[in-house]
Amino acid sequence: MRARALIWAVIGAAVTAAGTLVVFWLVRGLEQAGWLAGVLGAFAALAALVMALPHPAPAPVPPPTPERPGEEDGATVNTFSGGTAHGPVVMGRDITFTGRPAPPTGSDPDEEPRDGAGPSR
C-alpha cells in the first residue's frame, strides 16, 4: 500500500510541475520557461540516477544450527514449575495406531487364550 501511495505522489508532483511550466510559459515567455524546464529536468535526472543505484543487499540468512547429539528430530522439552508431575507425559503427536496385531504363525485365531484374558463364548 505504501508503494502505491508513493507512485500516486510522484504522478501528482509531475502533473503539478507540468501545469506550473505551462503557466510560467504563458506569463514569462518561452525563453525563461525553457531555462526553468532545463533546471527542473536536471533535478529529475539526478533523482532518477539516485533511484537507479543498487540498494544494499539484505543480511544473509545464517546457516541452520547443528543438532545436538542424542536429540531426536522434533524432540520436545516439557517444563513444569510450581507443581509435581507423576507418570509419563504422552503427547498427541506421539500416539500411533497400527491396527490389530497379526496372530502368531501356526496358531488358530479362533482359539481362546489359555490364561482366560480373552472374551468368553
Protein backbone atom coordinates (compact mmCIF):
# COMPACT_ATOMS: atom_id res chain seq x y z
CA MET A 1 0.00 0.00 0.00
CA ARG A 2 2.88 2.34 0.74
CA ALA A 3 4.35 1.86 -2.75
CA ARG A 4 1.01 2.71 -4.37
CA ALA A 5 0.79 5.95 -2.35
CA LEU A 6 4.35 6.85 -3.37
CA ILE A 7 3.56 6.27 -7.05
CA TRP A 8 0.49 8.50 -6.87
CA ALA A 9 2.52 11.20 -5.08
CA VAL A 10 5.14 11.15 -7.87
CA ILE A 11 2.43 11.30 -10.56
CA GLY A 12 0.79 14.23 -8.76
CA ALA A 13 4.11 16.08 -8.49
CA ALA A 14 4.81 15.55 -12.22
CA VAL A 15 1.37 16.84 -13.24
CA THR A 16 1.76 19.86 -10.95
CA ALA A 17 5.21 20.63 -12.36
CA ALA A 18 3.94 20.37 -15.95
CA GLY A 19 0.99 22.68 -15.19
CA THR A 20 3.29 25.18 -13.49
CA LEU A 21 5.62 25.18 -16.52
CA VAL A 22 2.70 25.85 -18.88
CA VAL A 23 1.51 28.78 -16.76
CA PHE A 24 5.09 30.07 -16.45
CA TRP A 25 5.49 29.84 -20.25
CA LEU A 26 2.27 31.80 -20.83
CA VAL A 27 3.25 34.53 -18.32
CA ARG A 28 7.05 34.88 -18.80
CA GLY A 29 7.67 33.62 -22.30
CA LEU A 30 9.36 30.70 -23.99
CA GLU A 31 12.97 31.63 -23.16
CA GLN A 32 12.58 31.70 -19.38
CA ALA A 33 10.21 28.71 -19.38
CA GLY A 34 12.80 26.70 -21.34
CA TRP A 35 15.51 27.66 -18.87
CA LEU A 36 13.31 26.59 -15.91
CA ALA A 37 12.42 23.33 -17.67
CA GLY A 38 16.13 22.58 -18.13
CA VAL A 39 16.86 23.16 -14.44
CA LEU A 40 13.91 21.02 -13.33
CA GLY A 41 14.92 18.32 -15.83
CA ALA A 42 18.43 18.25 -14.33
CA PHE A 43 16.97 17.72 -10.86
CA ALA A 44 14.69 14.97 -12.19
CA ALA A 45 17.69 13.27 -13.85
CA LEU A 46 19.65 13.37 -10.58
CA ALA A 47 16.69 11.89 -8.70
CA ALA A 48 16.38 9.11 -11.31
CA LEU A 49 20.10 8.38 -11.01
CA VAL A 50 19.87 8.05 -7.24
CA MET A 51 16.87 5.72 -7.53
CA ALA A 52 18.71 3.57 -10.09
CA LEU A 53 21.69 2.97 -7.78
CA PRO A 54 21.84 -0.58 -6.42
CA HIS A 55 20.37 -0.99 -2.98
CA PRO A 56 22.38 -2.78 -0.28
CA ALA A 57 21.66 -6.49 -0.16
CA PRO A 58 19.85 -7.83 2.91
CA ALA A 59 21.89 -9.64 5.52
CA PRO A 60 22.47 -13.30 4.61
CA VAL A 61 20.47 -15.92 6.46
CA PRO A 62 22.68 -17.75 8.97
CA PRO A 63 23.12 -21.49 8.39
CA PRO A 64 20.94 -23.80 10.48
CA THR A 65 22.41 -24.78 13.82
CA PRO A 66 23.61 -28.38 14.02
CA GLU A 67 21.55 -30.75 16.12
CA ARG A 68 22.88 -31.71 19.50
CA PRO A 69 23.95 -35.35 19.81
CA GLY A 70 21.32 -37.62 21.27
CA GLU A 71 18.46 -35.28 20.44
CA GLU A 72 15.78 -36.67 18.17
CA ASP A 73 14.31 -34.67 15.34
CA GLY A 74 11.33 -32.77 16.74
CA ALA A 75 12.15 -33.54 20.38
CA THR A 76 10.02 -31.68 22.89
CA VAL A 77 11.05 -30.44 26.31
CA ASN A 78 8.25 -30.02 28.86
CA THR A 79 9.00 -27.77 31.80
CA PHE A 80 6.88 -27.92 34.95
CA SER A 81 7.14 -25.26 37.62
CA GLY A 82 5.27 -24.87 40.87
CA GLY A 83 3.86 -28.39 40.87
CA THR A 84 4.59 -32.08 40.72
CA ALA A 85 4.11 -34.31 37.72
CA HIS A 86 3.61 -38.05 38.22
CA GLY A 87 3.86 -40.60 35.46
CA PRO A 88 4.82 -40.33 31.82
CA VAL A 89 3.75 -37.43 29.66
CA VAL A 90 2.12 -38.53 26.41
CA MET A 91 1.54 -36.02 23.65
CA GLY A 92 -0.97 -36.43 20.84
CA ARG A 93 1.75 -36.47 18.22
CA ASP A 94 3.41 -39.45 19.97
CA ILE A 95 0.36 -41.73 19.61
CA THR A 96 0.29 -44.05 16.61
CA PHE A 97 -2.34 -46.54 15.52
CA THR A 98 -1.20 -49.51 13.51
CA GLY A 99 -4.31 -51.66 13.66
CA ARG A 100 -4.88 -55.08 15.20
CA PRO A 101 -1.69 -57.11 15.57
CA ALA A 102 -1.43 -60.22 13.42
CA PRO A 103 -1.84 -63.56 15.23
CA PRO A 104 1.28 -65.62 15.72
CA THR A 105 2.00 -68.01 12.88
CA GLY A 106 0.81 -71.58 13.36
CA SER A 107 -1.98 -70.78 15.82
CA ASP A 108 -5.74 -70.73 15.32
CA PRO A 109 -7.16 -67.19 15.61
CA ASP A 110 -10.50 -68.57 16.92
CA GLU A 111 -8.80 -70.48 19.73
CA GLU A 112 -9.40 -69.00 23.18
CA PRO A 113 -6.40 -67.80 25.13
CA ARG A 114 -5.28 -70.18 27.88
CA ASP A 115 -4.86 -67.54 30.56
CA GLY A 116 -8.56 -66.63 30.46
CA ALA A 117 -7.92 -63.00 29.48
CA GLY A 118 -9.84 -63.24 26.22
CA PRO A 119 -13.58 -62.95 25.60
CA SER A 120 -15.73 -65.86 26.71
CA ARG A 121 -18.23 -67.53 24.37
